[in-house]
Structure formats: structure tokens, C-alpha cells
Amino acid sequence: MFIAKGKTFIVVDFISVAQSSLVAQNLTVVFCAVMLLVILMFKNSLSQELYIFLEAIVIMSAAFAELPSMATQVAVVKDWVVVICDSDSSKLAGKLS
């Protein structure tokens, strides 16, 4: 982010933000799936405490997988606002505020 002529401009490559957030989301989904597989394969041999702990990890990782999804949505929305405003900084300032 830099400031020029009293205005703040965000300098971010939204495509790279969307790509990295999709990678993070996919990795957390894979982790969640592997944990579910472990729970289902060893359900009978796990103690009650360990079973509940692993289920809690699955739930937290599924919730964490939602965060990169939100980052992707924000990156795409910000990109479309610039396109809709046709790069007119006065319109853009009104839309983003």
C-alpha cells in the first residue's frame, strides 16, 4: 500500500491472492479428509478422549478452510469493483468506502 496525492492505493496482485488462498483452502480440505479417514479406520481402537480430540481437530480445520474462501471472495470482489468503475478513481473511491 502506498500514498500518493493524499489518496491511498492498494497495490496487490489479486490473482496471486486468489491462487494462494485456493491452495491454502485445498490443503486444509485435504488435511480434514485425511483426519476423517484416520478416525474412520481406527474408530474402534481409539480411546474416547482421543476420538473426541480428533473430531475437534477435524471441525476446527474445516472452519479454518473457510477463511481462504473468504479471502478469494474479497479478492474477486475488489477486482470487479475496479472493472465496474472503469478505473475512474473518483468512482472507485465511492464504491470502496
C-alpha atoms as a PDB file:
ATOM      1  CA  MET A   1       0.000   0.000   0.000  1.00  0.00           C
ATOM      2  CA  PHE A   2       1.352   3.456  -0.808  1.00  0.00           C
ATOM      3  CA  ILE A   3       0.052   7.012  -0.519  1.00  0.00           C
ATOM      4  CA  ALA A   4       0.106   9.434  -3.449  1.00  0.00           C
ATOM      5  CA  LYS A   5      -1.519  12.882  -3.615  1.00  0.00           C
ATOM      6  CA  GLY A   6      -3.487  12.254  -0.403  1.00  0.00           C
ATOM      7  CA  LYS A   7      -5.086   9.056  -1.710  1.00  0.00           C
ATOM      8  CA  THR A   8      -4.320   5.534  -0.640  1.00  0.00           C
ATOM      9  CA  PHE A   9      -3.878   2.925  -3.341  1.00  0.00           C
ATOM     10  CA  ILE A  10      -3.738  -0.774  -2.664  1.00  0.00           C
ATOM     11  CA  VAL A  11      -1.073  -2.436  -4.750  1.00  0.00           C
ATOM     12  CA  VAL A  12      -1.833  -6.151  -4.698  1.00  0.00           C
ATOM     13  CA  ASP A  13      -1.943  -8.714  -7.437  1.00  0.00           C
ATOM     14  CA  PHE A  14      -5.439 -10.080  -6.822  1.00  0.00           C
ATOM     15  CA  ILE A  15      -4.792 -13.148  -8.986  1.00  0.00           C
ATOM     16  CA  SER A  16      -1.895 -14.251  -6.772  1.00  0.00           C
ATOM     17  CA  VAL A  17      -4.034 -13.653  -3.660  1.00  0.00           C
ATOM     18  CA  ALA A  18      -6.822 -15.795  -5.120  1.00  0.00           C
ATOM     19  CA  GLN A  19      -4.383 -18.539  -6.151  1.00  0.00           C
ATOM     20  CA  SER A  20      -2.633 -18.705  -2.795  1.00  0.00           C
ATOM     21  CA  SER A  21      -5.926 -18.711  -0.901  1.00  0.00           C
ATOM     22  CA  LEU A  22      -7.219 -21.542  -3.088  1.00  0.00           C
ATOM     23  CA  VAL A  23      -4.056 -23.540  -2.364  1.00  0.00           C
ATOM     24  CA  ALA A  24      -4.473 -22.928   1.367  1.00  0.00           C
ATOM     25  CA  GLN A  25      -8.132 -23.916   1.205  1.00  0.00           C
ATOM     26  CA  ASN A  26      -7.394 -27.104  -0.719  1.00  0.00           C
ATOM     27  CA  LEU A  27      -4.624 -28.086   1.692  1.00  0.00           C
ATOM     28  CA  THR A  28      -6.898 -27.675   4.703  1.00  0.00           C
ATOM     29  CA  VAL A  29      -9.626 -29.700   2.990  1.00  0.00           C
ATOM     30  CA  VAL A  30      -7.129 -32.483   2.248  1.00  0.00           C
ATOM     31  CA  PHE A  31      -5.945 -32.404   5.877  1.00  0.00           C
ATOM     32  CA  CYS A  32      -9.561 -32.624   7.036  1.00  0.00           C
ATOM     33  CA  ALA A  33     -10.239 -35.576   4.726  1.00  0.00           C
ATOM     34  CA  VAL A  34      -7.133 -37.419   5.929  1.00  0.00           C
ATOM     35  CA  MET A  35      -8.111 -36.873   9.558  1.00  0.00           C
ATOM     36  CA  LEU A  36     -11.617 -38.214   8.838  1.00  0.00           C
ATOM     37  CA  LEU A  37     -10.082 -41.240   7.163  1.00  0.00           C
ATOM     38  CA  VAL A  38      -7.891 -41.895  10.207  1.00  0.00           C
ATOM     39  CA  ILE A  39     -10.881 -41.537  12.520  1.00  0.00           C
ATOM     40  CA  LEU A  40     -12.992 -43.940  10.468  1.00  0.00           C
ATOM     41  CA  MET A  41     -10.205 -46.509  10.022  1.00  0.00           C
ATOM     42  CA  PHE A  42      -9.239 -46.630  13.706  1.00  0.00           C
ATOM     43  CA  LYS A  43     -12.585 -45.785  15.303  1.00  0.00           C
ATOM     44  CA  ASN A  44     -12.776 -48.994  17.337  1.00  0.00           C
ATOM     45  CA  SER A  45      -9.189 -48.863  18.589  1.00  0.00           C
ATOM     46  CA  LEU A  46      -9.146 -45.173  19.629  1.00  0.00           C
ATOM     47  CA  SER A  47      -9.813 -44.155  23.194  1.00  0.00           C
ATOM     48  CA  GLN A  48     -12.839 -41.956  23.823  1.00  0.00           C
ATOM     49  CA  GLU A  49     -10.662 -38.918  24.645  1.00  0.00           C
ATOM     50  CA  LEU A  50      -8.508 -39.293  21.537  1.00  0.00           C
ATOM     51  CA  TYR A  51     -11.598 -39.807  19.383  1.00  0.00           C
ATOM     52  CA  ILE A  52     -13.176 -36.570  20.671  1.00  0.00           C
ATOM     53  CA  PHE A  53      -9.853 -34.727  20.259  1.00  0.00           C
ATOM     54  CA  LEU A  54      -9.509 -35.857  16.625  1.00  0.00           C
ATOM     55  CA  GLU A  55     -13.103 -34.882  15.897  1.00  0.00           C
ATOM     56  CA  ALA A  56     -12.410 -31.430  17.339  1.00  0.00           C
ATOM     57  CA  ILE A  57      -9.359 -31.094  15.087  1.00  0.00           C
ATOM     58  CA  VAL A  58     -11.477 -32.018  12.052  1.00  0.00           C
ATOM     59  CA  ILE A  59     -14.120 -29.440  12.967  1.00  0.00           C
ATOM     60  CA  MET A  60     -11.527 -26.702  13.559  1.00  0.00           C
ATOM     61  CA  SER A  61      -9.696 -27.449  10.312  1.00  0.00           C
ATOM     62  CA  ALA A  62     -12.991 -27.370   8.407  1.00  0.00           C
ATOM     63  CA  ALA A  63     -13.742 -23.977   9.927  1.00  0.00           C
ATOM     64  CA  PHE A  64     -10.220 -22.809   9.083  1.00  0.00           C
ATOM     65  CA  ALA A  65     -10.777 -23.901   5.457  1.00  0.00           C
ATOM     66  CA  GLU A  66     -13.493 -21.253   5.200  1.00  0.00           C
ATOM     67  CA  LEU A  67     -11.032 -18.385   5.798  1.00  0.00           C
ATOM     68  CA  PRO A  68      -9.148 -18.740   2.480  1.00  0.00           C
ATOM     69  CA  SER A  69     -12.527 -18.984   0.755  1.00  0.00           C
ATOM     70  CA  MET A  70     -13.430 -15.583   2.176  1.00  0.00           C
ATOM     71  CA  ALA A  71     -10.073 -14.195   1.029  1.00  0.00           C
ATOM     72  CA  THR A  72     -10.773 -15.409  -2.512  1.00  0.00           C
ATOM     73  CA  GLN A  73     -14.199 -13.773  -2.491  1.00  0.00           C
ATOM     74  CA  VAL A  74     -12.754 -10.468  -1.270  1.00  0.00           C
ATOM     75  CA  ALA A  75     -10.010 -10.536  -3.914  1.00  0.00           C
ATOM     76  CA  VAL A  76     -12.508 -11.220  -6.701  1.00  0.00           C
ATOM     77  CA  VAL A  77     -14.980  -8.568  -5.474  1.00  0.00           C
ATOM     78  CA  LYS A  78     -12.226  -5.931  -5.229  1.00  0.00           C
ATOM     79  CA  ASP A  79     -11.102  -6.829  -8.753  1.00  0.00           C
ATOM     80  CA  TRP A  80     -14.626  -6.496 -10.158  1.00  0.00           C
ATOM     81  CA  VAL A  81     -15.185  -3.129  -8.455  1.00  0.00           C
ATOM     82  CA  VAL A  82     -12.173  -1.790 -10.349  1.00  0.00           C
ATOM     83  CA  VAL A  83     -13.574  -3.154 -13.620  1.00  0.00           C
ATOM     84  CA  ILE A  84     -17.068  -1.765 -12.978  1.00  0.00           C
ATOM     85  CA  CYS A  85     -15.687   1.690 -12.176  1.00  0.00           C
ATOM     86  CA  ASP A  86     -13.607   1.593 -15.356  1.00  0.00           C
ATOM     87  CA  SER A  87     -10.527   2.587 -13.308  1.00  0.00           C
ATOM     88  CA  ASP A  88     -12.058   6.017 -12.571  1.00  0.00           C
ATOM     89  CA  SER A  89     -10.527   6.885  -9.204  1.00  0.00           C
ATOM     90  CA  SER A  90     -13.405   9.121  -8.074  1.00  0.00           C
ATOM     91  CA  LYS A  91     -15.995   6.369  -8.732  1.00  0.00           C
ATOM     92  CA  LEU A  92     -13.673   3.794  -7.228  1.00  0.00           C
ATOM     93  CA  ALA A  93     -13.233   5.789  -4.022  1.00  0.00           C
ATOM     94  CA  GLY A  94     -17.019   5.978  -3.637  1.00  0.00           C
ATOM     95  CA  LYS A  95     -17.551   2.257  -4.264  1.00  0.00           C
ATOM     96  CA  LEU A  96     -14.845   1.089  -1.858  1.00  0.00           C
ATOM     97  CA  SER A  97     -15.854   3.325   1.031  1.00  0.00           C
END
